[in-house]
Protein backbone atom coordinates (compact mmCIF):
# COMPACT_ATOMS: atom_id res chain seq x y z
CA UNK A 1 -8.85 -15.01 14.62
CA UNK A 2 -5.03 -14.61 14.59
CA UNK A 3 -3.53 -10.95 14.60
CA UNK A 4 -2.53 -10.77 11.11
CA UNK A 5 -5.90 -11.70 9.71
CA UNK A 6 -7.39 -8.97 11.78
CA UNK A 7 -4.81 -6.41 10.60
CA UNK A 8 -5.45 -7.50 6.91
CA UNK A 9 -9.02 -6.92 7.36
CA UNK A 10 -8.69 -3.57 8.89
CA UNK A 11 -6.27 -2.45 6.03
CA UNK A 12 -8.84 -3.81 3.42
CA UNK A 13 -11.53 -1.55 4.91
CA UNK A 14 -9.19 1.67 4.68
CA UNK A 15 -9.20 3.74 1.25
CA UNK A 16 -5.56 4.76 2.03
CA UNK A 17 -2.28 3.26 3.39
CA UNK A 18 0.51 5.02 5.22
CA UNK A 19 4.07 4.60 4.21
CA UNK A 20 4.57 2.57 7.63
CA UNK A 21 1.69 0.15 6.51
CA UNK A 22 3.22 -0.12 2.83
CA UNK A 23 6.74 -1.07 4.27
CA UNK A 24 5.16 -3.69 6.57
CA UNK A 25 3.05 -5.15 3.78
CA UNK A 26 6.09 -5.68 1.40
CA UNK A 27 8.48 -6.11 3.97
CA UNK A 28 10.79 -3.35 2.85
CA UNK A 29 12.35 -0.23 4.49
CA UNK A 30 10.48 2.96 5.18
CA UNK A 31 12.42 4.68 2.57
CA UNK A 32 11.77 2.44 0.11
CA UNK A 33 8.03 2.18 0.80
CA UNK A 34 8.17 6.19 0.17
CA UNK A 35 9.41 5.62 -3.24
CA UNK A 36 6.69 2.94 -3.94
CA UNK A 37 3.95 5.09 -2.86
CA UNK A 38 5.29 8.01 -4.95
CA UNK A 39 5.55 5.90 -8.05
CA UNK A 40 1.84 4.44 -7.40
CA UNK A 41 0.53 7.86 -7.00
CA UNK A 42 2.38 9.33 -9.80
CA UNK A 43 0.75 6.37 -12.26
CA UNK A 44 -2.68 6.94 -10.55
CA UNK A 45 -2.19 10.92 -10.76
CA UNK A 46 -3.41 11.05 -7.15
CA UNK A 47 -1.43 12.61 -4.42
CA UNK A 48 -1.92 12.41 -0.61
CA UNK A 49 1.44 12.86 1.17
CA UNK A 50 2.71 9.61 2.41
CA UNK A 51 -0.38 7.38 1.44
CA UNK A 52 -1.42 5.54 -1.20
CA UNK A 53 -4.98 3.90 -2.37
CA UNK A 54 -5.26 0.68 -0.76
CA UNK A 55 -7.00 -0.95 -3.83
CA UNK A 56 -4.83 0.34 -6.41
CA UNK A 57 -1.84 -0.83 -3.97
CA UNK A 58 -3.01 -4.28 -3.81
CA UNK A 59 -3.81 -4.46 -7.51
CA UNK A 60 -0.31 -3.42 -8.55
CA UNK A 61 1.62 -5.08 -6.06
CA UNK A 62 0.15 -7.72 -4.19
CA UNK A 63 -2.06 -9.46 -6.71
CA UNK A 64 0.53 -9.19 -9.53
CA UNK A 65 -1.35 -7.41 -12.40
CA UNK A 66 0.35 -7.37 -15.64
CA UNK A 67 1.16 -4.22 -17.55
């Protein structure tokens, strides 16, 4: 198993992603990742400082839900 697949499995098992994990997943800066986390939390009406719900993140950004 490659290191990336192991990390993917680990992230999928977590309920929330940190800003650092969001930045790494999207290949963006940490400051932009904070903006993404803030916007997703506002849309979801759930706030945990510096974290975003993993399922919601993947649904909205990784798998291209329309809306």
